[in-house]
Amino acid sequence: MGRPHKKRFVAFNPGVCYFKPRGIPMVALEEIRLKVDEREALRLADLENLSHEEAGSRMGVSRATFGRIIEQARRIVADALINGKAINVEGGNFQITSTERLFICEKCKYEWHELCGTGRPEKCPSCFNREVHRVPAK
């Protein structure tokens, strides 16, 4: 018996969960499932163009595990595109993470939000001081 799967961190939830070929009635379509964490892997690797190591880190999994997730996700999407199947995005072992982080400048006390995945800010947007800190989530 294998180890239980760790929850994968998902930072983006577009609210769209179903895709189907145009012009084919639902009753005539075969449906396949793409897990939420597999969609996140596609976003990080193919849309954000991150390395497997960086994307795995963002999802809270190893580089090798990320490689297996993205490989499976690409296989599912290719099957749907080539064979005209509907894609239902649901399920998986995941946790939605915050989409924003709060930072504060040590010098001027200016506070601002940055989107997750954009990296640590180099300087305060108000006074350009380099001593900025992330405010812990409550």
Protein backbone atom coordinates (compact mmCIF):
# COMPACT_ATOMS: atom_id res chain seq x y z
CA MET A 1 0.00 0.00 0.00
CA GLY A 2 1.37 3.42 -0.97
CA ARG A 3 1.63 6.53 1.14
CA PRO A 4 -1.38 8.83 1.32
CA HIS A 5 -1.24 11.80 -1.07
CA LYS A 6 -0.28 15.17 0.35
CA LYS A 7 -2.67 18.03 -0.28
CA ARG A 8 -1.53 20.04 -3.27
CA PHE A 9 -1.67 23.83 -2.99
CA VAL A 10 -3.80 25.55 -5.62
CA ALA A 11 -3.50 29.33 -5.85
CA PHE A 12 -5.95 30.01 -8.67
CA ASN A 13 -9.56 28.94 -9.02
CA PRO A 14 -11.13 30.40 -12.18
CA GLY A 15 -14.65 29.26 -11.36
CA VAL A 16 -14.98 27.44 -14.71
CA CYS A 17 -15.16 23.70 -14.36
CA TYR A 18 -16.54 22.29 -17.59
CA PHE A 19 -15.39 22.31 -21.22
CA LYS A 20 -17.01 20.56 -24.17
CA PRO A 21 -16.62 20.46 -27.93
CA ARG A 22 -18.88 22.90 -29.73
CA GLY A 23 -21.80 21.53 -31.69
CA ILE A 24 -21.96 18.10 -30.05
CA PRO A 25 -24.90 17.45 -27.71
CA MET A 26 -24.00 16.51 -24.14
CA VAL A 27 -25.73 13.14 -24.43
CA ALA A 28 -23.41 12.21 -27.30
CA LEU A 29 -20.19 13.15 -25.44
CA GLU A 30 -17.87 11.03 -23.40
CA GLU A 31 -16.71 12.92 -20.31
CA ILE A 32 -13.30 12.73 -18.69
CA ARG A 33 -12.21 14.23 -15.38
CA LEU A 34 -9.31 16.62 -14.86
CA LYS A 35 -8.54 17.10 -11.16
CA VAL A 36 -8.22 20.64 -9.77
CA ASP A 37 -4.54 20.09 -8.92
CA GLU A 38 -3.89 18.85 -12.47
CA ARG A 39 -5.40 22.06 -13.85
CA GLU A 40 -3.15 24.04 -11.48
CA ALA A 41 -0.14 22.12 -12.78
CA LEU A 42 -1.09 23.07 -16.35
CA ARG A 43 -1.41 26.72 -15.31
CA LEU A 44 1.98 26.80 -13.59
CA ALA A 45 3.93 24.87 -16.22
CA ASP A 46 2.29 25.90 -19.48
CA LEU A 47 0.79 29.31 -18.75
CA GLU A 48 3.23 30.69 -16.16
CA ASN A 49 6.15 28.82 -17.80
CA LEU A 50 7.65 27.74 -14.46
CA SER A 51 10.18 24.95 -14.11
CA HIS A 52 8.98 21.70 -12.60
CA GLU A 53 10.99 22.46 -9.47
CA GLU A 54 9.49 25.94 -8.97
CA ALA A 55 5.95 24.77 -9.82
CA GLY A 56 6.29 21.79 -7.48
CA SER A 57 7.43 24.10 -4.72
CA ARG A 58 4.38 26.32 -5.19
CA MET A 59 2.09 23.29 -5.05
CA GLY A 60 3.86 21.84 -2.01
CA VAL A 61 5.12 18.71 -3.80
CA SER A 62 8.48 17.46 -5.06
CA ARG A 63 9.76 18.10 -8.58
CA ALA A 64 9.21 14.43 -9.43
CA THR A 65 5.63 14.45 -8.13
CA PHE A 66 4.91 17.62 -10.07
CA GLY A 67 6.28 15.89 -13.18
CA ARG A 68 3.82 13.03 -12.72
CA ILE A 69 0.90 15.44 -12.13
CA ILE A 70 1.65 17.52 -15.25
CA GLU A 71 2.19 14.41 -17.38
CA GLN A 72 -1.23 13.05 -16.38
CA ALA A 73 -2.91 16.44 -16.91
CA ARG A 74 -1.45 16.81 -20.41
CA ARG A 75 -2.55 13.26 -21.30
CA ILE A 76 -6.14 14.03 -20.20
CA VAL A 77 -6.32 17.32 -22.14
CA ALA A 78 -4.78 15.74 -25.25
CA ASP A 79 -7.30 12.89 -25.10
CA ALA A 80 -10.17 15.39 -24.87
CA LEU A 81 -8.89 17.55 -27.74
CA ILE A 82 -8.03 14.69 -30.09
CA ASN A 83 -11.01 12.45 -29.33
CA GLY A 84 -13.68 15.13 -28.81
CA LYS A 85 -14.41 14.48 -25.14
CA ALA A 86 -15.83 16.86 -22.53
CA ILE A 87 -13.57 17.84 -19.61
CA ASN A 88 -15.04 18.06 -16.12
CA VAL A 89 -12.65 19.78 -13.69
CA GLU A 90 -13.34 18.52 -10.18
CA GLY A 91 -11.91 16.62 -7.25
CA GLY A 92 -8.40 15.75 -6.26
CA ASN A 93 -6.51 16.25 -3.03
CA PHE A 94 -5.95 20.01 -2.90
CA GLN A 95 -6.16 23.09 -0.73
CA ILE A 96 -6.93 26.57 -2.07
CA THR A 97 -4.28 28.99 -0.87
CA SER A 98 -4.55 32.72 -0.45
CA THR A 99 -4.29 34.71 -3.65
CA GLU A 100 -2.72 37.80 -2.04
CA ARG A 101 0.01 38.60 0.46
CA LEU A 102 0.28 41.76 2.60
CA PHE A 103 3.59 43.64 2.89
CA ILE A 104 4.67 46.60 5.03
CA CYS A 105 7.57 49.04 4.68
CA GLU A 106 9.78 49.42 7.75
CA LYS A 107 10.53 53.07 6.95
CA CYS A 108 7.21 54.68 5.96
CA LYS A 109 4.84 51.93 7.26
CA TYR A 110 3.09 51.80 3.88
CA GLU A 111 1.06 48.58 3.46
CA TRP A 112 0.20 46.96 0.12
CA HIS A 113 -0.94 43.65 -1.37
CA GLU A 114 0.93 41.50 -3.88
CA LEU A 115 -0.51 38.52 -5.74
CA CYS A 116 0.83 35.10 -4.77
CA GLY A 117 3.38 33.81 -7.21
CA THR A 118 4.85 37.22 -8.08
CA GLY A 119 7.87 36.87 -5.83
CA ARG A 120 9.03 39.02 -2.93
CA PRO A 121 8.92 42.77 -3.64
CA GLU A 122 12.36 44.37 -3.83
CA LYS A 123 11.30 47.76 -2.47
CA CYS A 124 8.40 49.78 -1.12
CA PRO A 125 6.26 51.25 -3.93
CA SER A 126 5.81 54.43 -1.86
CA CYS A 127 9.30 55.40 -0.62
CA PHE A 128 11.47 52.81 -2.47
CA ASN A 129 13.01 51.56 0.80
CA ARG A 130 14.35 48.00 0.48
CA GLU A 131 13.41 46.94 4.02
CA VAL A 132 9.96 45.46 3.43
CA HIS A 133 8.38 42.59 5.33
CA ARG A 134 5.45 40.29 4.78
CA VAL A 135 2.67 40.63 7.33
CA PRO A 136 1.68 37.17 8.61
CA ALA A 137 -1.87 36.05 7.82
CA LYS A 138 -4.23 36.16 10.79
